[in-house]
Protein backbone atom coordinates (compact mmCIF):
# COMPACT_ATOMS: atom_id res chain seq x y z
CA MET A 1 87.84 41.57 130.76
CA THR A 2 89.15 38.52 128.96
CA GLU A 3 92.69 37.42 129.60
CA PRO A 4 95.05 37.49 126.59
CA LEU A 5 95.79 34.15 125.05
CA PRO A 6 99.18 32.71 125.92
CA ARG A 7 101.78 33.22 123.23
CA PRO A 8 102.73 29.97 121.43
CA SER A 9 106.12 28.59 122.22
CA LEU A 10 109.02 28.90 119.81
CA PRO A 11 108.82 25.22 118.62
CA THR A 12 105.10 25.63 117.96
CA ARG A 13 105.64 28.82 115.94
CA LEU A 14 108.44 27.18 113.94
CA ARG A 15 106.23 24.20 113.20
CA ASN A 16 103.34 26.41 112.11
CA ASN A 17 105.64 28.46 109.87
CA PHE A 18 107.06 25.27 108.35
CA LEU A 19 103.58 23.87 107.62
CA THR A 20 102.50 27.19 106.10
CA GLY A 21 105.57 27.23 103.87
CA LEU A 22 104.96 23.60 102.91
CA VAL A 23 101.39 24.39 101.86
CA ILE A 24 102.72 27.22 99.67
CA CYS A 25 105.77 25.51 98.19
CA ALA A 26 104.65 21.89 97.74
CA PRO A 27 101.93 22.50 95.09
CA ILE A 28 104.28 24.78 93.14
CA ALA A 29 107.18 22.33 93.27
CA ILE A 30 105.03 19.32 92.31
CA THR A 31 103.42 21.23 89.43
CA ILE A 32 106.80 22.29 88.06
CA TRP A 33 108.17 18.76 88.44
CA LEU A 34 105.21 17.13 86.69
CA THR A 35 105.32 19.66 83.85
CA TRP A 36 109.08 19.27 83.42
CA THR A 37 108.79 15.46 83.49
CA PHE A 38 106.04 15.47 80.87
CA ILE A 39 108.05 17.77 78.56
CA HIS A 40 111.14 15.55 78.81
CA TRP A 41 109.00 12.43 78.25
CA ALA A 42 107.51 13.92 75.07
CA ASP A 43 110.93 15.08 73.87
CA SER A 44 112.43 11.62 74.40
CA TRP A 45 109.77 10.13 72.11
CA VAL A 46 109.86 12.72 69.33
CA LYS A 47 113.42 14.07 69.13
CA PRO A 48 115.08 10.81 67.94
CA TYR A 49 112.93 10.92 64.78
CA ILE A 50 113.71 14.56 63.91
CA PRO A 51 116.41 14.81 61.20
CA ALA A 52 119.55 16.50 62.44
CA ARG A 53 119.28 19.28 59.84
CA TYR A 54 115.89 20.32 61.26
CA ASN A 55 116.86 19.98 64.90
CA PRO A 56 118.13 23.32 66.27
CA GLU A 57 120.02 21.47 68.99
CA SER A 58 122.43 20.29 66.27
CA TYR A 59 123.55 23.90 65.75
CA LEU A 60 123.26 25.16 69.30
CA GLN A 61 125.36 24.22 72.30
CA PHE A 62 122.37 23.64 74.58
CA ALA A 63 119.16 21.63 74.61
CA ILE A 64 115.74 23.19 73.96
CA PRO A 65 113.19 21.66 76.33
CA GLY A 66 109.77 21.29 74.77
CA PHE A 67 110.90 21.33 71.14
CA GLY A 68 109.85 17.70 70.66
CA LEU A 69 106.51 18.38 72.31
CA LEU A 70 105.93 21.36 69.99
CA ILE A 71 106.71 19.21 66.93
CA ALA A 72 104.33 16.52 68.19
CA LEU A 73 101.50 19.04 68.62
CA VAL A 74 102.07 20.43 65.11
CA LEU A 75 102.13 16.95 63.55
CA ILE A 76 98.99 15.80 65.38
CA THR A 77 97.15 18.96 64.28
CA LEU A 78 98.34 18.50 60.70
CA ILE A 79 97.25 14.85 60.65
CA GLY A 80 93.86 15.88 62.00
CA PHE A 81 93.54 18.48 59.23
CA LEU A 82 94.52 15.99 56.51
CA GLY A 83 92.22 13.34 57.97
CA LYS A 84 89.18 15.50 57.21
CA ASN A 85 89.55 15.48 53.42
CA LEU A 86 88.82 12.61 51.05
CA ILE A 87 92.40 11.45 50.58
CA GLY A 88 93.14 11.61 54.31
CA ARG A 89 90.00 9.67 55.19
CA SER A 90 90.91 7.01 52.66
CA ILE A 91 94.35 6.61 54.22
CA VAL A 92 92.87 6.43 57.72
CA GLU A 93 90.29 3.85 56.63
CA PHE A 94 93.05 1.80 54.96
CA GLY A 95 95.10 1.88 58.18
CA ASP A 96 92.06 0.93 60.27
CA GLY A 97 91.43 -1.97 57.92
CA LEU A 98 94.97 -3.27 58.44
CA PHE A 99 94.62 -3.09 62.21
CA ASN A 100 91.18 -4.71 62.16
CA ARG A 101 92.50 -7.69 60.19
CA THR A 102 95.40 -8.28 62.59
CA PRO A 103 94.64 -10.70 65.46
CA LEU A 104 95.04 -9.36 69.00
CA VAL A 105 95.96 -5.92 67.67
CA ARG A 106 92.42 -5.28 66.40
CA THR A 107 90.95 -5.75 69.87
CA VAL A 108 93.28 -3.18 71.42
CA HIS A 109 92.88 -0.76 68.50
CA LYS A 110 89.06 -0.91 68.49
CA SER A 111 88.86 -0.43 72.26
CA LEU A 112 91.23 2.54 72.29
CA LYS A 113 89.51 4.14 69.30
CA GLN A 114 86.09 3.86 70.92
CA ILE A 115 87.40 5.35 74.15
CA PHE A 116 89.01 8.35 72.43
CA GLU A 117 85.98 8.93 70.19
CA THR A 118 83.64 8.82 73.17
CA VAL A 119 85.75 11.10 75.36
CA LEU A 120 86.83 13.64 72.71
CA LYS A 121 83.92 13.76 70.26
CA ASP A 122 81.24 13.55 72.97
CA LYS A 123 83.15 15.75 75.39
CA GLY A 124 80.11 17.98 75.84
CA THR A 125 78.22 15.20 77.62
CA SER A 126 80.79 12.61 78.73
CA PHE A 127 82.40 12.91 82.18
CA ASN A 128 81.43 16.57 82.24
CA LYS A 129 78.83 16.28 85.00
CA ALA A 130 79.30 15.44 88.64
CA ALA A 131 76.56 13.83 90.65
CA MET A 132 75.91 11.94 93.88
CA ILE A 133 74.47 8.51 94.53
CA GLU A 134 73.65 6.59 97.69
CA TYR A 135 76.65 4.29 97.99
CA PRO A 136 77.79 2.00 99.59
CA SER A 137 74.50 1.90 101.46
CA ALA A 138 71.37 3.99 101.97
CA GLY A 139 72.13 7.27 103.69
CA LEU A 140 75.81 7.29 102.61
CA TRP A 141 76.58 9.43 99.58
CA SER A 142 79.42 9.12 97.05
CA ILE A 143 80.48 11.37 94.19
CA VAL A 144 80.29 9.98 90.64
CA PHE A 145 80.98 11.34 87.18
CA VAL A 146 78.18 10.86 84.68
CA ALA A 147 79.52 9.17 81.53
CA THR A 148 76.62 8.46 79.18
CA ASP A 149 73.29 6.70 78.87
CA ALA A 150 73.36 2.92 78.72
CA ARG A 151 73.93 1.82 75.13
CA GLY A 152 73.89 -1.28 72.96
CA GLU A 153 72.99 -4.67 74.39
CA ILE A 154 73.15 -3.37 77.96
CA ALA A 155 70.55 -0.68 77.20
CA THR A 156 68.32 -3.29 75.55
CA LYS A 157 68.51 -5.54 78.61
CA PHE A 158 67.68 -2.66 80.93
CA ARG A 159 64.77 -1.53 78.74
CA SER A 160 63.34 -5.06 78.83
CA MET A 161 63.31 -4.72 82.63
CA GLY A 162 61.66 -1.29 82.37
CA LYS A 163 64.69 0.57 83.71
CA ASP A 164 66.31 3.78 82.46
CA MET A 165 69.97 3.40 83.43
CA VAL A 166 72.92 5.76 83.21
CA ALA A 167 76.61 4.76 83.10
CA CYS A 168 78.62 6.52 85.81
CA PHE A 169 82.21 6.38 86.96
CA LEU A 170 82.69 5.96 90.70
CA PRO A 171 86.18 7.26 91.64
CA PRO A 172 87.96 6.11 94.79
CA THR A 173 89.87 8.42 97.11
CA PRO A 174 92.59 9.66 96.74
CA PHE A 175 93.38 8.04 93.35
CA PRO A 176 90.35 8.77 91.11
CA THR A 177 91.87 7.17 88.00
CA ALA A 178 91.17 3.66 89.34
CA GLY A 179 87.44 3.32 89.87
CA TRP A 180 84.31 1.40 89.00
CA LEU A 181 81.81 1.56 86.18
CA VAL A 182 78.32 1.45 87.63
CA TYR A 183 74.91 1.60 85.98
CA ILE A 184 72.48 3.61 88.08
CA PRO A 185 68.75 4.32 87.62
CA ARG A 186 68.35 7.88 86.38
CA GLU A 187 65.96 8.82 89.17
CA LYS A 188 68.53 7.85 91.82
CA ILE A 189 71.19 10.22 90.51
CA VAL A 190 71.41 13.61 92.25
CA PRO A 191 73.12 16.12 89.91
CA LEU A 192 75.55 18.64 91.39
CA ASP A 193 76.06 22.25 90.33
CA MET A 194 79.82 22.03 90.89
CA SER A 195 82.00 21.32 87.87
CA ALA A 196 83.66 17.98 87.26
CA GLU A 197 87.02 19.61 88.09
CA ASP A 198 85.78 20.76 91.49
CA ALA A 199 84.34 17.32 92.17
CA ALA A 200 87.67 15.72 91.28
CA LYS A 201 89.47 18.08 93.68
CA LEU A 202 87.02 17.12 96.40
CA VAL A 203 87.67 13.42 95.83
CA ILE A 204 91.46 13.70 95.57
CA SER A 205 91.73 15.87 98.70
CA VAL A 206 89.56 13.48 100.74
CA GLY A 207 87.03 16.27 101.25
CA LEU A 208 89.57 18.89 102.37
CA VAL A 209 89.31 21.03 99.22
CA THR A 210 85.68 22.10 98.99
CA PRO A 211 84.08 23.62 95.87
CA PRO A 212 83.40 27.37 95.66
CA GLU A 213 80.49 28.80 97.60
CA GLY A 214 77.18 28.65 95.79
CA ALA A 215 77.51 25.05 94.63
CA SER A 216 74.35 23.26 95.67
CA LEU A 217 74.29 20.09 97.70
CA PRO A 218 71.90 17.23 96.94
CA ALA A 219 68.42 18.04 98.04
CA VAL A 220 66.59 15.67 100.34
CA LYS A 221 63.76 13.90 98.58
CA PRO A 222 60.24 14.75 99.76
CA GLU A 223 59.53 11.13 100.66
CA SER A 224 62.68 11.08 102.80
CA LYS A 225 61.42 14.13 104.74
CA ALA A 226 58.05 12.49 105.23
CA LYS A 227 59.68 9.32 106.54
CA SER A 228 61.83 11.29 108.98
CA LYS A 229 58.74 13.13 110.30
CA ASP A 230 56.91 9.82 110.78
CA ARG A 231 59.87 8.44 112.70
CA LYS A 232 59.91 11.47 115.00
CA LYS A 233 56.17 11.13 115.68
CA SER A 234 56.57 7.45 116.47
């Protein structure tokens, strides 16, 4: 008959209860704070440009959080709708022409426009797939996000060397926004079944938050198995 486990002391139970409460409350509090901060940031940008007659806060005795954000969403959607017709496209092209003829500004404008077009228009293929590569050395695996195939001059250079390369983003832990752009041979990329969101959670949590069950891990290559068998025999 096994002896019952000793009951934890009062300080230990208080510590465990505190950690459990922290795990429950911290994500909720941080989410609310980030959401509230973003709403106030958007309001601070938009509200000063709303005429007083159209601002309900001019008639009410209290502020309406999120009203500026709502106006911004409506205006962006309206501009997108107008930009699809002939007159809207002409205005957009005229504005792009002004930016492209302005020194310094044209470099920033072109770069930002290419980034947004790549991320939003090609959202079905860009940064939507998680994969693994052997990095920083053989036998050590890192998570990457597949961006797109190599393009332009870089693709031409790789093709002249007989290589099929893919652009990937290698995120560091625990801040995945600051990472490295790496070009990897297609055959050395091991796709993952987990979503990009689950892969991001895995990176941010330093491996503590694992993806749901059923997500496949990278399979070992046949040649790697053969090498391991040869090493055991030797």
